[in-house]
Protein backbone atom coordinates (compact mmCIF):
# COMPACT_ATOMS: atom_id res chain seq x y z
CA UNK A 1 12.34 10.09 26.86
CA UNK A 2 13.92 11.99 24.00
CA UNK A 3 11.79 14.05 21.66
CA UNK A 4 13.12 12.35 18.56
CA UNK A 5 12.96 8.70 17.62
CA UNK A 6 16.18 7.07 16.44
CA UNK A 7 14.84 5.85 13.10
CA UNK A 8 17.20 5.43 10.17
CA UNK A 9 17.83 8.81 8.60
CA UNK A 10 16.75 9.42 5.07
CA UNK A 11 19.73 10.61 3.04
CA UNK A 12 18.44 12.71 0.18
CA UNK A 13 20.42 14.96 -2.08
CA UNK A 14 18.84 17.96 -3.69
CA UNK A 15 20.10 18.87 -7.14
CA UNK A 16 19.36 22.40 -8.26
CA UNK A 17 20.07 23.63 -11.74
CA UNK A 18 19.76 27.40 -11.51
CA UNK A 19 19.48 30.02 -14.21
CA UNK A 20 19.51 33.82 -14.01
CA UNK A 21 17.05 35.05 -11.38
CA UNK A 22 14.30 37.33 -12.58
CA UNK A 23 11.01 35.93 -11.24
CA UNK A 24 7.43 36.68 -12.08
CA UNK A 25 6.19 37.23 -8.54
CA UNK A 26 4.56 40.36 -7.24
CA UNK A 27 6.15 42.36 -4.43
CA UNK A 28 3.25 41.53 -2.07
CA UNK A 29 4.68 38.04 -1.66
CA UNK A 30 1.93 36.14 -3.37
CA UNK A 31 2.70 32.71 -4.79
CA UNK A 32 0.92 30.56 -7.36
CA UNK A 33 1.64 26.82 -7.50
CA UNK A 34 0.70 24.49 -10.35
CA UNK A 35 -0.31 21.04 -9.05
CA UNK A 36 -0.96 17.93 -11.12
CA UNK A 37 -4.52 17.66 -9.79
CA UNK A 38 -7.03 19.23 -7.47
CA UNK A 39 -7.38 18.18 -3.85
CA UNK A 40 -10.01 15.53 -3.28
CA UNK A 41 -10.70 16.48 0.35
CA UNK A 42 -10.08 19.19 2.93
CA UNK A 43 -11.22 16.94 5.79
CA UNK A 44 -7.98 15.20 6.84
CA UNK A 45 -9.88 12.11 7.96
CA UNK A 46 -11.74 11.63 4.68
CA UNK A 47 -8.86 10.06 2.75
CA UNK A 48 -5.34 10.81 1.64
CA UNK A 49 -3.57 11.46 -1.63
CA UNK A 50 -0.84 13.95 -2.41
CA UNK A 51 -2.81 17.07 -3.41
CA UNK A 52 -5.12 16.68 -0.42
CA UNK A 53 -2.18 16.04 1.91
CA UNK A 54 -0.53 19.25 0.72
CA UNK A 55 -3.67 21.20 1.68
CA UNK A 56 -4.04 19.44 5.01
CA UNK A 57 -0.64 20.54 6.25
CA UNK A 58 -1.32 24.16 5.32
CA UNK A 59 -4.58 24.19 7.28
CA UNK A 60 -3.91 21.85 10.21
CA UNK A 61 -1.09 20.71 12.49
CA UNK A 62 -0.18 17.38 14.12
CA UNK A 63 1.04 16.78 17.67
CA UNK A 64 4.39 15.59 16.29
CA UNK A 65 5.93 17.43 13.36
CA UNK A 66 7.79 15.72 10.52
CA UNK A 67 10.31 18.09 8.96
CA UNK A 68 11.50 18.26 5.36
CA UNK A 69 14.11 15.53 5.93
CA UNK A 70 11.78 13.15 7.82
CA UNK A 71 13.11 14.07 11.24
CA UNK A 72 10.44 14.00 13.95
CA UNK A 73 10.08 16.65 16.65
CA UNK A 74 7.60 18.81 18.57
CA UNK A 75 4.48 20.07 16.81
CA UNK A 76 1.36 21.02 18.74
CA UNK A 77 2.87 18.94 21.53
CA UNK A 78 5.90 20.70 22.96
CA UNK A 79 7.11 17.50 24.64
CA UNK A 80 6.18 13.92 25.47
CA UNK A 81 7.37 11.03 27.57
CA UNK A 82 6.82 7.30 27.82
CA UNK A 83 5.81 6.74 31.45
CA UNK A 84 5.60 2.94 31.11
CA UNK A 85 5.79 0.49 28.19
CA UNK A 86 2.36 1.47 26.84
CA UNK A 87 1.57 4.92 28.28
CA UNK A 88 2.58 8.14 26.54
CA UNK A 89 1.95 11.59 27.99
CA UNK A 90 1.93 14.59 25.64
CA UNK A 91 2.11 18.21 26.80
CA UNK A 92 0.49 20.73 24.46
CA UNK A 93 2.02 24.08 23.65
CA UNK A 94 0.48 26.94 25.55
CA UNK A 95 -1.59 29.56 23.72
CA UNK A 96 -2.01 27.81 20.33
CA UNK A 97 -5.15 29.10 18.60
CA UNK A 98 -7.37 27.85 15.82
CA UNK A 99 -8.16 30.10 12.87
CA UNK A 100 -11.41 31.18 14.57
CA UNK A 101 -9.52 32.37 17.66
CA UNK A 102 -10.39 29.47 19.96
CA UNK A 103 -7.55 28.06 22.04
CA UNK A 104 -6.35 24.53 21.35
CA UNK A 105 -7.22 22.24 24.27
CA UNK A 106 -6.57 18.62 25.12
CA UNK A 107 -10.26 17.97 24.50
CA UNK A 108 -9.72 18.84 20.81
CA UNK A 109 -7.05 16.13 20.60
CA UNK A 110 -9.38 13.62 22.24
CA UNK A 111 -12.20 14.57 19.87
CA UNK A 112 -9.85 14.18 16.88
CA UNK A 113 -8.70 10.71 17.93
CA UNK A 114 -12.23 9.59 18.71
CA UNK A 115 -13.48 10.79 15.31
CA UNK A 116 -10.47 9.21 13.60
CA UNK A 117 -11.33 5.77 14.98
CA UNK A 118 -14.56 5.80 12.97
CA UNK A 119 -13.14 7.32 9.79
CA UNK A 120 -11.58 6.00 6.58
CA UNK A 121 -8.20 6.86 8.13
CA UNK A 122 -8.73 4.65 11.19
CA UNK A 123 -5.52 2.76 10.39
CA UNK A 124 -3.55 5.75 11.72
CA UNK A 125 -4.92 4.96 15.18
CA UNK A 126 -4.86 1.16 14.90
CA UNK A 127 -2.28 0.81 17.67
CA UNK A 128 -3.95 3.24 20.08
CA UNK A 129 -6.05 1.53 22.75
CA UNK A 130 -7.27 4.54 24.71
CA UNK A 131 -6.77 8.27 25.24
CA UNK A 132 -7.83 10.85 27.75
CA UNK A 133 -7.33 14.49 28.66
CA UNK A 134 -5.52 14.84 31.99
CA UNK A 135 -6.04 18.60 31.93
CA UNK A 136 -6.38 21.26 29.20
CA UNK A 137 -2.74 20.87 28.13
CA UNK A 138 -2.03 17.21 28.85
CA UNK A 139 -3.08 14.17 26.83
CA UNK A 140 -2.46 10.56 27.82
CA UNK A 141 -2.40 7.95 25.07
CA UNK A 142 -2.16 4.23 25.75
CA UNK A 143 -1.22 1.65 23.13
CA UNK A 144 -2.41 -1.97 23.14
CA UNK A 145 1.16 -3.15 23.63
CA UNK A 146 4.61 -1.58 23.59
CA UNK A 147 4.80 0.34 20.32
CA UNK A 148 7.91 2.29 19.35
CA UNK A 149 6.44 4.06 16.32
CA UNK A 150 3.61 6.00 18.01
CA UNK A 151 5.21 9.48 17.66
CA UNK A 152 5.77 8.83 13.96
CA UNK A 153 2.14 7.78 13.51
CA UNK A 154 0.97 10.93 15.28
CA UNK A 155 2.78 13.06 12.70
CA UNK A 156 0.06 11.98 10.23
CA UNK A 157 -2.87 12.75 12.56
CA UNK A 158 -3.99 16.36 12.14
CA UNK A 159 -5.81 17.98 15.02
CA UNK A 160 -9.34 19.30 14.56
CA UNK A 161 -11.38 21.86 16.51
CA UNK A 162 -14.15 20.01 18.33
CA UNK A 163 -16.42 23.07 18.36
CA UNK A 164 -15.91 23.81 14.66
CA UNK A 165 -16.50 20.23 13.47
CA UNK A 166 -19.67 19.97 15.54
CA UNK A 167 -20.83 23.27 14.05
CA UNK A 168 -20.19 22.46 10.38
CA UNK A 169 -20.85 18.71 10.55
CA UNK A 170 -20.43 16.93 7.25
CA UNK A 171 -19.44 20.19 5.56
CA UNK A 172 -15.90 20.14 6.98
CA UNK A 173 -14.63 19.43 3.44
CA UNK A 174 -15.97 22.82 2.36
CA UNK A 175 -15.29 24.64 5.63
CA UNK A 176 -11.93 23.36 6.89
CA UNK A 177 -10.41 25.08 9.91
CA UNK A 178 -7.38 24.20 11.99
CA UNK A 179 -4.31 25.69 13.66
CA UNK A 180 -2.13 25.62 10.51
CA UNK A 181 -0.11 28.46 8.98
CA UNK A 182 -2.76 29.24 6.34
CA UNK A 183 -6.54 29.68 6.21
CA UNK A 184 -8.79 28.71 3.31
CA UNK A 185 -10.13 31.69 1.38
CA UNK A 186 -11.70 29.94 -1.60
CA UNK A 187 -11.90 26.53 -3.22
CA UNK A 188 -13.22 26.51 -6.77
CA UNK A 189 -13.16 22.85 -7.76
CA UNK A 190 -10.75 22.02 -10.61
CA UNK A 191 -9.76 25.69 -10.86
CA UNK A 192 -8.03 27.05 -7.75
CA UNK A 193 -7.52 26.84 -4.01
CA UNK A 194 -6.70 30.20 -2.43
CA UNK A 195 -5.09 30.46 1.02
CA UNK A 196 -4.00 33.39 3.15
CA UNK A 197 -1.52 33.43 6.01
CA UNK A 198 -2.82 32.99 9.55
CA UNK A 199 -1.47 35.96 11.50
CA UNK A 200 -1.48 34.16 14.86
CA UNK A 201 0.26 30.96 13.79
CA UNK A 202 2.16 29.61 16.80
CA UNK A 203 5.45 29.25 14.88
CA UNK A 204 5.24 32.80 13.52
CA UNK A 205 3.45 34.26 10.52
CA UNK A 206 4.39 32.91 7.09
CA UNK A 207 6.64 35.02 4.85
CA UNK A 208 4.29 34.55 1.88
CA UNK A 209 0.89 36.12 2.53
CA UNK A 210 -1.24 34.67 -0.27
CA UNK A 211 -0.88 31.25 -1.90
CA UNK A 212 -2.97 29.96 -4.79
CA UNK A 213 -2.85 26.33 -5.87
CA UNK A 214 -4.01 25.63 -9.42
CA UNK A 215 -4.72 22.10 -10.62
CA UNK A 216 -3.20 21.76 -14.10
CA UNK A 217 -3.48 18.14 -15.14
CA UNK A 218 -1.80 18.40 -18.54
CA UNK A 219 2.03 18.39 -18.24
CA UNK A 220 2.57 20.60 -21.31
CA UNK A 221 0.06 23.11 -19.98
CA UNK A 222 1.84 23.19 -16.60
CA UNK A 223 5.15 23.97 -18.28
CA UNK A 224 3.56 26.67 -20.42
CA UNK A 225 1.93 28.21 -17.34
CA UNK A 226 5.32 28.35 -15.63
CA UNK A 227 7.20 29.90 -18.55
CA UNK A 228 4.51 32.53 -19.18
CA UNK A 229 4.50 33.59 -15.52
CA UNK A 230 1.00 32.33 -14.71
CA UNK A 231 2.42 30.15 -11.94
CA UNK A 232 5.66 30.36 -9.97
CA UNK A 233 6.27 26.68 -9.22
CA UNK A 234 5.04 23.55 -10.97
CA UNK A 235 4.93 20.09 -9.48
CA UNK A 236 5.94 17.10 -11.62
CA UNK A 237 7.61 18.99 -14.42
CA UNK A 238 7.36 16.77 -17.49
CA UNK A 239 10.62 14.94 -18.11
CA UNK A 240 10.58 16.06 -21.74
CA UNK A 241 10.46 19.71 -20.61
CA UNK A 242 13.41 19.61 -18.22
CA UNK A 243 15.99 20.89 -20.72
CA UNK A 244 13.58 23.56 -21.98
CA UNK A 245 13.08 25.00 -18.49
CA UNK A 246 16.80 24.82 -17.74
CA UNK A 247 17.45 26.99 -20.79
CA UNK A 248 14.81 29.59 -19.91
CA UNK A 249 16.14 32.72 -18.23
CA UNK A 250 14.72 33.26 -14.76
CA UNK A 251 13.76 29.64 -14.13
CA UNK A 252 15.34 26.58 -12.58
CA UNK A 253 14.76 22.86 -12.38
CA UNK A 254 14.84 21.38 -8.89
CA UNK A 255 14.97 17.61 -8.38
CA UNK A 256 15.30 15.17 -5.54
CA UNK A 257 14.83 11.41 -5.10
CA UNK A 258 11.21 10.57 -4.42
CA UNK A 259 9.73 8.40 -1.70
CA UNK A 260 6.96 7.37 -4.07
CA UNK A 261 7.30 3.76 -5.17
CA UNK A 262 5.24 2.80 -8.24
CA UNK A 263 3.87 -0.67 -7.53
CA UNK A 264 1.71 -3.35 -9.15
CA UNK A 265 -0.76 -5.19 -6.92
CA UNK A 266 -1.68 -8.71 -8.03
CA UNK A 267 -5.03 -10.21 -7.07
CA UNK A 268 -4.51 -13.53 -5.27
CA UNK A 269 -8.14 -14.58 -4.77
CA UNK A 270 -9.23 -17.90 -6.28
CA UNK A 271 -11.62 -16.03 -8.56
CA UNK A 272 -10.56 -12.63 -9.90
CA UNK A 273 -13.05 -10.12 -11.35
CA UNK A 274 -11.48 -9.62 -14.78
CA UNK A 275 -10.11 -13.12 -15.37
CA UNK A 276 -12.21 -15.99 -16.73
CA UNK A 277 -12.08 -19.20 -14.73
CA UNK A 278 -9.61 -19.82 -11.93
CA UNK A 279 -7.15 -17.03 -11.16
CA UNK A 280 -3.65 -17.89 -12.52
CA UNK A 281 -2.02 -15.39 -10.14
CA UNK A 282 -2.65 -17.67 -7.17
CA UNK A 283 0.32 -19.62 -8.57
CA UNK A 284 3.58 -18.02 -7.44
CA UNK A 285 5.26 -19.04 -10.72
CA UNK A 286 2.84 -16.84 -12.65
CA UNK A 287 3.57 -13.90 -10.34
CA UNK A 288 7.29 -14.43 -10.87
CA UNK A 289 6.77 -14.65 -14.63
CA UNK A 290 4.99 -11.29 -14.61
CA UNK A 291 7.83 -9.78 -12.59
CA UNK A 292 10.48 -11.12 -14.99
CA UNK A 293 8.57 -9.93 -18.07
CA UNK A 294 8.68 -6.27 -16.98
CA UNK A 295 11.74 -4.41 -18.23
CA UNK A 296 12.08 -1.66 -15.63
CA UNK A 297 15.34 -0.39 -17.14
CA UNK A 298 13.62 0.32 -20.45
CA UNK A 299 10.77 2.08 -18.63
CA UNK A 300 13.33 4.23 -16.83
CA UNK A 301 15.38 5.09 -19.92
CA UNK A 302 12.69 5.49 -22.56
CA UNK A 303 9.55 6.59 -20.72
CA UNK A 304 11.08 8.36 -17.70
CA UNK A 305 14.07 9.86 -19.57
CA UNK A 306 16.36 8.42 -16.89
CA UNK A 307 14.53 10.28 -14.12
CA UNK A 308 13.49 7.24 -12.08
CA UNK A 309 15.23 4.55 -10.03
CA UNK A 310 14.17 0.89 -10.31
CA UNK A 311 12.85 -0.31 -6.93
CA UNK A 312 14.88 -2.86 -5.00
CA UNK A 313 12.22 -3.33 -2.30
CA UNK A 314 8.95 -1.85 -1.11
CA UNK A 315 10.59 0.90 0.98
CA UNK A 316 13.86 2.84 0.50
CA UNK A 317 17.16 1.77 2.00
CA UNK A 318 16.87 4.49 4.65
CA UNK A 319 13.71 3.03 6.22
CA UNK A 320 13.13 0.73 9.16
CA UNK A 321 12.27 -2.67 7.66
CA UNK A 322 14.52 -2.43 4.61
CA UNK A 323 16.30 -5.78 4.39
CA UNK A 324 20.02 -5.41 3.81
CA UNK A 325 21.35 -7.19 0.72
CA UNK A 326 17.93 -8.00 -0.78
CA UNK A 327 17.06 -6.72 -4.26
CA UNK A 328 13.88 -7.56 -6.17
CA UNK A 329 15.61 -6.78 -9.48
CA UNK A 330 18.39 -9.27 -8.75
CA UNK A 331 15.97 -11.94 -7.56
CA UNK A 332 13.81 -11.58 -10.68
CA UNK A 333 15.84 -9.97 -13.47
CA UNK A 334 14.20 -9.18 -16.79
CA UNK A 335 14.13 -12.47 -18.68
CA UNK A 336 11.28 -13.15 -21.12
CA UNK A 337 12.37 -16.73 -21.88
CA UNK A 338 12.50 -17.64 -18.20
CA UNK A 339 9.10 -15.97 -17.75
CA UNK A 340 7.67 -18.12 -20.56
CA UNK A 341 9.09 -21.26 -18.91
CA UNK A 342 7.43 -20.36 -15.63
CA UNK A 343 4.11 -19.74 -17.35
CA UNK A 344 4.33 -23.13 -19.04
CA UNK A 345 5.27 -24.90 -15.78
CA UNK A 346 2.20 -23.35 -14.15
CA UNK A 347 -0.02 -24.56 -17.00
CA UNK A 348 -0.53 -21.18 -18.64
CA UNK A 349 1.71 -21.35 -21.71
CA UNK A 350 -1.15 -19.88 -23.76
CA UNK A 351 -1.57 -17.08 -21.25
CA UNK A 352 -4.75 -15.36 -20.12
CA UNK A 353 -6.51 -12.01 -20.25
CA UNK A 354 -6.94 -9.53 -17.41
CA UNK A 355 -7.46 -5.81 -16.86
CA UNK A 356 -4.96 -3.31 -15.48
CA UNK A 357 -6.50 -0.44 -13.52
CA UNK A 358 -4.29 2.66 -13.58
CA UNK A 359 -4.39 6.44 -13.47
CA UNK A 360 -3.69 8.72 -16.40
CA UNK A 361 -2.89 11.87 -14.42
CA UNK A 362 -1.49 10.88 -11.01
CA UNK A 363 2.02 9.49 -11.53
CA UNK A 364 4.72 10.67 -13.90
CA UNK A 365 3.93 9.25 -17.37
CA UNK A 366 1.49 6.78 -15.82
CA UNK A 367 -0.54 6.19 -19.01
CA UNK A 368 2.63 5.52 -21.04
CA UNK A 369 3.89 3.10 -18.38
CA UNK A 370 0.59 1.21 -18.48
CA UNK A 371 0.84 0.92 -22.25
CA UNK A 372 4.42 -0.36 -21.95
CA UNK A 373 3.30 -2.99 -19.42
CA UNK A 374 0.66 -4.22 -21.86
CA UNK A 375 3.30 -4.60 -24.56
CA UNK A 376 5.75 -6.38 -22.25
CA UNK A 377 3.25 -8.85 -20.82
CA UNK A 378 1.96 -9.66 -24.31
CA UNK A 379 5.33 -11.36 -24.88
CA UNK A 380 4.38 -14.02 -22.34
CA UNK A 381 0.82 -14.28 -23.72
CA UNK A 382 -0.88 -12.17 -21.07
CA UNK A 383 -3.34 -9.85 -22.74
CA UNK A 384 -3.59 -6.73 -20.62
CA UNK A 385 -6.67 -4.61 -21.13
CA UNK A 386 -6.10 -1.07 -19.92
CA UNK A 387 -8.63 0.66 -17.71
CA UNK A 388 -7.13 4.14 -17.40
CA UNK A 389 -8.90 6.87 -15.47
CA UNK A 390 -8.23 10.21 -13.75
CA UNK A 391 -7.11 10.19 -10.15
CA UNK A 392 -10.44 11.65 -9.04
CA UNK A 393 -12.14 8.38 -10.04
CA UNK A 394 -9.32 5.91 -9.49
CA UNK A 395 -9.00 5.68 -5.71
CA UNK A 396 -12.72 5.14 -5.22
CA UNK A 397 -12.71 2.53 -7.99
CA UNK A 398 -9.94 0.42 -6.42
CA UNK A 399 -11.05 0.88 -2.81
CA UNK A 400 -10.78 -2.34 -0.83
CA UNK A 401 -12.62 -4.66 -0.94
CA UNK A 402 -12.86 -4.42 -4.74
CA UNK A 403 -14.98 -6.69 -6.88
CA UNK A 404 -13.67 -4.95 -10.01
CA UNK A 405 -9.89 -5.20 -9.96
CA UNK A 406 -7.36 -7.93 -10.77
CA UNK A 407 -4.19 -5.93 -11.44
CA UNK A 408 -3.63 -2.41 -10.11
CA UNK A 409 -0.87 0.13 -10.78
CA UNK A 410 -0.58 2.73 -8.05
CA UNK A 411 2.01 4.45 -5.93
CA UNK A 412 2.88 4.21 -2.26
CA UNK A 413 5.21 6.27 -0.16
CA UNK A 414 6.19 5.89 3.48
CA UNK A 415 7.00 9.33 4.92
CA UNK A 416 7.04 7.85 8.45
CA UNK A 417 10.41 6.26 7.61
CA UNK A 418 9.05 2.93 8.83
CA UNK A 419 7.92 0.03 6.62
CA UNK A 420 5.43 -1.10 9.24
CA UNK A 421 3.03 1.71 8.37
CA UNK A 422 2.85 0.26 4.83
CA UNK A 423 3.00 -3.43 5.66
CA UNK A 424 0.24 -3.29 8.26
CA UNK A 425 -2.31 -1.88 5.84
CA UNK A 426 -1.14 -3.45 2.56
CA UNK A 427 -0.01 -6.96 3.45
CA UNK A 428 -1.74 -7.92 6.70
CA UNK A 429 -4.58 -10.43 6.16
CA UNK A 430 -7.81 -8.58 5.53
CA UNK A 431 -10.54 -8.82 8.14
CA UNK A 432 -8.32 -10.49 10.72
CA UNK A 433 -7.49 -7.52 12.93
CA UNK A 434 -9.15 -4.13 13.26
CA UNK A 435 -7.10 -1.34 11.69
CA UNK A 436 -4.99 -3.71 9.59
CA UNK A 437 -5.24 -4.86 5.98
CA UNK A 438 -7.54 -2.03 4.82
CA UNK A 439 -5.51 -1.42 1.66
CA UNK A 440 -4.62 -5.08 0.97
CA UNK A 441 -5.59 -4.79 -2.70
CA UNK A 442 -4.50 -8.28 -3.69
CA UNK A 443 -6.09 -10.16 -0.74
CA UNK A 444 -2.63 -11.49 0.18
CA UNK A 445 -2.59 -13.54 3.37
CA UNK A 446 0.39 -15.11 5.10
CA UNK A 447 0.09 -16.00 8.83
CA UNK A 448 3.85 -15.67 9.26
CA UNK A 449 3.74 -12.10 7.92
CA UNK A 450 0.83 -11.26 10.21
CA UNK A 451 2.68 -12.65 13.23
CA UNK A 452 5.86 -10.72 12.44
CA UNK A 453 3.94 -7.47 11.99
CA UNK A 454 2.26 -8.12 15.35
CA UNK A 455 5.69 -8.62 16.94
CA UNK A 456 7.01 -5.43 15.31
CA UNK A 457 4.02 -3.53 16.66
CA UNK A 458 4.57 -4.94 20.17
CA UNK A 459 8.04 -3.70 21.04
CA UNK A 460 9.21 -0.33 22.40
CA UNK A 461 12.65 -0.92 20.89
CA UNK A 462 13.30 0.28 17.35
CA UNK A 463 16.10 -2.24 16.71
CA UNK A 464 13.77 -5.18 17.45
CA UNK A 465 11.03 -3.63 15.33
CA UNK A 466 13.49 -3.23 12.47
CA UNK A 467 14.53 -6.90 12.71
CA UNK A 468 10.93 -8.15 12.59
CA UNK A 469 10.04 -5.91 9.66
CA UNK A 470 13.14 -6.99 7.74
CA UNK A 471 11.91 -10.57 8.03
CA UNK A 472 8.57 -9.46 6.63
CA UNK A 473 10.36 -7.82 3.71
CA UNK A 474 12.22 -11.04 2.88
CA UNK A 475 8.99 -13.05 2.88
CA UNK A 476 7.24 -10.50 0.67
CA UNK A 477 10.09 -10.54 -1.84
CA UNK A 478 9.74 -14.32 -2.01
CA UNK A 479 5.92 -14.41 -2.19
CA UNK A 480 5.59 -11.52 -4.71
CA UNK A 481 2.15 -10.20 -3.72
CA UNK A 482 3.18 -6.92 -5.29
CA UNK A 483 5.77 -5.92 -7.89
CA UNK A 484 7.79 -2.77 -7.13
CA UNK A 485 8.58 -0.88 -10.34
CA UNK A 486 10.46 2.35 -9.64
CA UNK A 487 10.87 5.40 -7.48
CA UNK A 488 10.02 8.57 -9.28
CA UNK A 489 12.33 11.55 -9.27
CA UNK A 490 10.51 14.55 -7.87
CA UNK A 491 10.94 17.25 -10.51
CA UNK A 492 9.89 20.87 -10.06
CA UNK A 493 10.12 23.89 -12.28
CA UNK A 494 10.30 27.21 -10.47
CA UNK A 495 10.98 30.88 -10.86
CA UNK A 496 14.43 31.68 -9.48
CA UNK A 497 12.77 34.36 -7.35
CA UNK A 498 11.26 31.63 -5.17
CA UNK A 499 13.36 30.45 -2.24
CA UNK A 500 12.34 26.83 -2.40
CA UNK A 501 13.83 23.50 -1.28
CA UNK A 502 11.64 20.43 -1.92
CA UNK A 503 10.63 18.18 0.95
CA UNK A 504 11.39 14.49 1.05
CA UNK A 505 7.68 13.69 1.41
CA UNK A 506 6.81 15.87 -1.61
CA UNK A 507 4.48 18.03 0.47
CA UNK A 508 4.87 21.50 -1.02
CA UNK A 509 4.62 23.69 2.09
CA UNK A 510 4.46 27.42 1.45
CA UNK A 511 5.37 28.16 5.06
CA UNK A 512 8.93 27.00 4.32
CA UNK A 513 9.21 29.23 1.24
CA UNK A 514 10.03 32.87 0.65
CA UNK A 515 10.33 35.24 -2.29
CA UNK A 516 13.50 37.13 -3.08
CA UNK A 517 13.60 40.79 -3.94
């Protein structure tokens, strides 16, 4: 069994616009990073969102490592093999230690998987039937059926210390501890997260000794912090500040295509919380009308300053499950008159009122996009009330099952390179199968989709999995349970003294960075 799966490779170009290098970084190799928001958790099984994910991968490690270009290879497991269609055997690296000095053992992996099964992140283990420690360095994992994507799933499962978790209990969020390249020094909520390098990291000590992450929610404030030397890198540089940073001596703008797809989930229950009477969105013609009323090109040009790419499907072209030749924008081009006709055919010429739940500090220009959507849908007589909130409140507010939401704007990325990891949680019928449908925000249900996802999750062959998932994609594009809007462009501002190449998954990882001079 080879160590790498043969998934489609993500082709990403990195554009760097560099200025004269000066840098505002001290000689002790300390780095300060400006994030768009604070982490929500330090317990990797308590939930996931970008700022938390960034912290997780500094503090913990997975069995299978996903590199900056979405290639999968050895992590805490030095090798693995498929001994029959459903049995995988993983061999742990020898001598890996946790931050407290304890040696990683197979029992820690078993404890992690067992705890995961009862956590909010249980979907990551949905295809795992059983697991056991063969000895201190060998773990056997069985899947319910042949399942080609297990190594990719394991790249998102971060290994915990059994002894430490039992010692700190529910306080793991405040006292995280893993095998990762950095240890937590301090977490002052909404102010800073301070990390220091772990000297005994199994891949070698990090080049940068001290890393501080500062949540700076206001885009203008992030740019100012960069240009005054308070921080050395900023995430999500405001599109309006790109030219300003390019002109500043000692700074550069670094961009790359994002995996994050901004999407709109439509509630398909008979009764929807924010809509009076029967829910119009149960009628496919209304869903198509909404899709046709949204001018994604104008959003890209005016709001995103050209730094976004309208979405053709739910996952990028590089991913398993992307259906060749299918394009949401071509199926449902912007056409207000056609949208009005569809609304009238469905019996809703006079429209209806509903609420859009969205963030105002999570996605690039998210509040402005929400306002634009309200204006666009007003043209087909849909009154959109905006319920905008910070990210810290948003994900709890929309958590499935929601009795509050009818229309949700959020983002979704698929760093596994496989659409199945999205489709299984977002489009599988809720309540039908354990570990599936947990994030099905619109209550979409299609038995054919469920059956195809089951088939995709029951083959050891990637080509067959790809074919099943492509069929799912085609059905979803026809049913329109969710409207894909655009992929963001990941935009960073950085001191030219920082040796920094952004990752495809947008996980800023200080271990991959260095400081010149």
